[in-house]
């Protein structure tokens, strides 16, 4: 199976670096991607001629992604140079995990593990 994600979006917060005792440090930031579509599109065909009639409103959706950078060189460069509002391309893999928050509640997390930023 292939686990590969490519995202182009805007950084939502300056990256933070975290390190849990006994584990490798990680740089974390959020990335917003945006989708736009027009509702009510219809196609009208007549022989070899195809017309696209645009009827309806434009809708959009913003999705927020949690990006984690573990690779040492990339982690440090990301922490130093990536800033809120930057438009960046991220390539990596999806990771599903579970963690316990500061209130001792178990939570599910979906993270993009960056291989390239």
Protein backbone atom coordinates (compact mmCIF):
# COMPACT_ATOMS: atom_id res chain seq x y z
CA UNK A 1 0.00 0.00 0.00
CA UNK A 2 1.10 3.55 -0.65
CA UNK A 3 0.78 6.21 2.04
CA UNK A 4 1.68 9.53 0.42
CA UNK A 5 0.14 12.99 0.78
CA UNK A 6 0.92 16.24 -1.01
CA UNK A 7 -0.52 19.50 0.31
CA UNK A 8 -0.24 23.12 -0.81
CA UNK A 9 -1.54 25.61 1.70
CA UNK A 10 -0.93 28.40 4.16
CA UNK A 11 0.68 28.00 7.57
CA UNK A 12 -1.78 28.77 10.38
CA UNK A 13 0.67 29.28 13.24
CA UNK A 14 4.41 29.66 13.72
CA UNK A 15 5.97 26.20 14.19
CA UNK A 16 6.70 24.99 17.70
CA UNK A 17 9.35 22.49 18.72
CA UNK A 18 8.48 19.85 21.29
CA UNK A 19 10.50 17.14 22.93
CA UNK A 20 9.23 14.46 25.25
CA UNK A 21 11.91 13.07 27.54
CA UNK A 22 13.67 10.13 25.92
CA UNK A 23 12.18 10.80 22.46
CA UNK A 24 13.31 12.72 19.39
CA UNK A 25 12.22 16.37 19.10
CA UNK A 26 9.49 17.31 16.62
CA UNK A 27 8.49 20.56 14.93
CA UNK A 28 4.71 20.98 14.65
CA UNK A 29 2.55 23.49 12.79
CA UNK A 30 -0.89 23.69 11.20
CA UNK A 31 -1.55 24.03 7.47
CA UNK A 32 -4.81 25.18 5.84
CA UNK A 33 -5.84 23.87 2.43
CA UNK A 34 -8.79 25.27 0.52
CA UNK A 35 -11.27 23.71 -1.93
CA UNK A 36 -13.63 25.69 -4.15
CA UNK A 37 -16.49 24.47 -6.34
CA UNK A 38 -19.51 25.85 -8.08
CA UNK A 39 -22.86 24.34 -7.20
CA UNK A 40 -25.39 23.68 -9.94
CA UNK A 41 -22.95 23.19 -12.86
CA UNK A 42 -24.55 21.50 -15.81
CA UNK A 43 -23.29 20.31 -19.17
CA UNK A 44 -25.23 20.87 -22.40
CA UNK A 45 -24.06 18.68 -25.28
CA UNK A 46 -24.92 19.09 -28.97
CA UNK A 47 -23.00 16.88 -31.38
CA UNK A 48 -19.27 17.62 -31.10
CA UNK A 49 -19.97 20.90 -29.32
CA UNK A 50 -20.01 20.80 -25.53
CA UNK A 51 -20.92 23.85 -23.52
CA UNK A 52 -20.50 24.19 -19.77
CA UNK A 53 -23.24 26.28 -18.25
CA UNK A 54 -22.27 27.71 -14.88
CA UNK A 55 -25.33 28.21 -12.78
CA UNK A 56 -25.20 28.47 -9.00
CA UNK A 57 -23.02 29.73 -6.24
CA UNK A 58 -19.36 29.22 -5.47
CA UNK A 59 -18.77 27.19 -2.31
CA UNK A 60 -15.54 26.66 -0.47
CA UNK A 61 -14.15 24.59 2.36
CA UNK A 62 -10.99 25.06 4.42
CA UNK A 63 -9.38 21.98 5.95
CA UNK A 64 -6.75 22.23 8.70
CA UNK A 65 -3.92 19.69 8.83
CA UNK A 66 -1.46 19.03 11.65
CA UNK A 67 2.06 18.76 10.23
CA UNK A 68 4.85 17.05 12.22
CA UNK A 69 8.49 17.19 11.11
CA UNK A 70 10.82 14.62 12.73
CA UNK A 71 13.73 14.52 10.23
CA UNK A 72 16.60 16.39 12.03
CA UNK A 73 17.76 18.80 9.29
CA UNK A 74 14.27 19.45 7.95
CA UNK A 75 12.87 19.83 11.47
CA UNK A 76 15.36 22.60 12.32
CA UNK A 77 14.97 24.47 9.01
CA UNK A 78 11.17 24.32 9.32
CA UNK A 79 11.30 25.69 12.87
CA UNK A 80 13.66 28.50 11.85
CA UNK A 81 12.13 29.68 8.54
CA UNK A 82 8.45 28.68 8.24
CA UNK A 83 6.11 31.39 9.57
CA UNK A 84 2.39 31.98 9.95
CA UNK A 85 0.88 32.94 6.59
CA UNK A 86 3.65 31.33 4.51
CA UNK A 87 2.41 29.39 1.48
CA UNK A 88 4.21 26.05 1.42
CA UNK A 89 4.14 22.64 -0.23
CA UNK A 90 4.34 19.63 2.11
CA UNK A 91 4.90 16.03 1.08
CA UNK A 92 4.65 13.22 3.59
CA UNK A 93 2.52 10.40 4.94
CA UNK A 94 -0.64 10.18 7.05
CA UNK A 95 -0.30 8.86 10.59
CA UNK A 96 -3.18 7.96 12.87
CA UNK A 97 -2.47 7.91 16.57
CA UNK A 98 -3.75 8.40 20.05
CA UNK A 99 -2.50 10.65 22.84
CA UNK A 100 -3.51 11.70 26.34
CA UNK A 101 -4.12 15.44 26.74
CA UNK A 102 -3.25 17.58 29.76
CA UNK A 103 -6.63 16.73 31.35
CA UNK A 104 -5.80 13.01 31.10
CA UNK A 105 -8.36 12.44 28.31
CA UNK A 106 -7.43 10.02 25.50
CA UNK A 107 -7.81 11.62 22.07
CA UNK A 108 -7.44 10.49 18.45
CA UNK A 109 -5.04 12.42 16.20
CA UNK A 110 -4.43 12.44 12.46
CA UNK A 111 -1.05 13.91 11.53
CA UNK A 112 0.89 14.42 8.33
CA UNK A 113 4.49 13.27 8.91
CA UNK A 114 6.45 15.56 6.59
CA UNK A 115 9.23 14.16 4.44
CA UNK A 116 9.60 17.39 2.41
CA UNK A 117 8.58 20.97 3.19
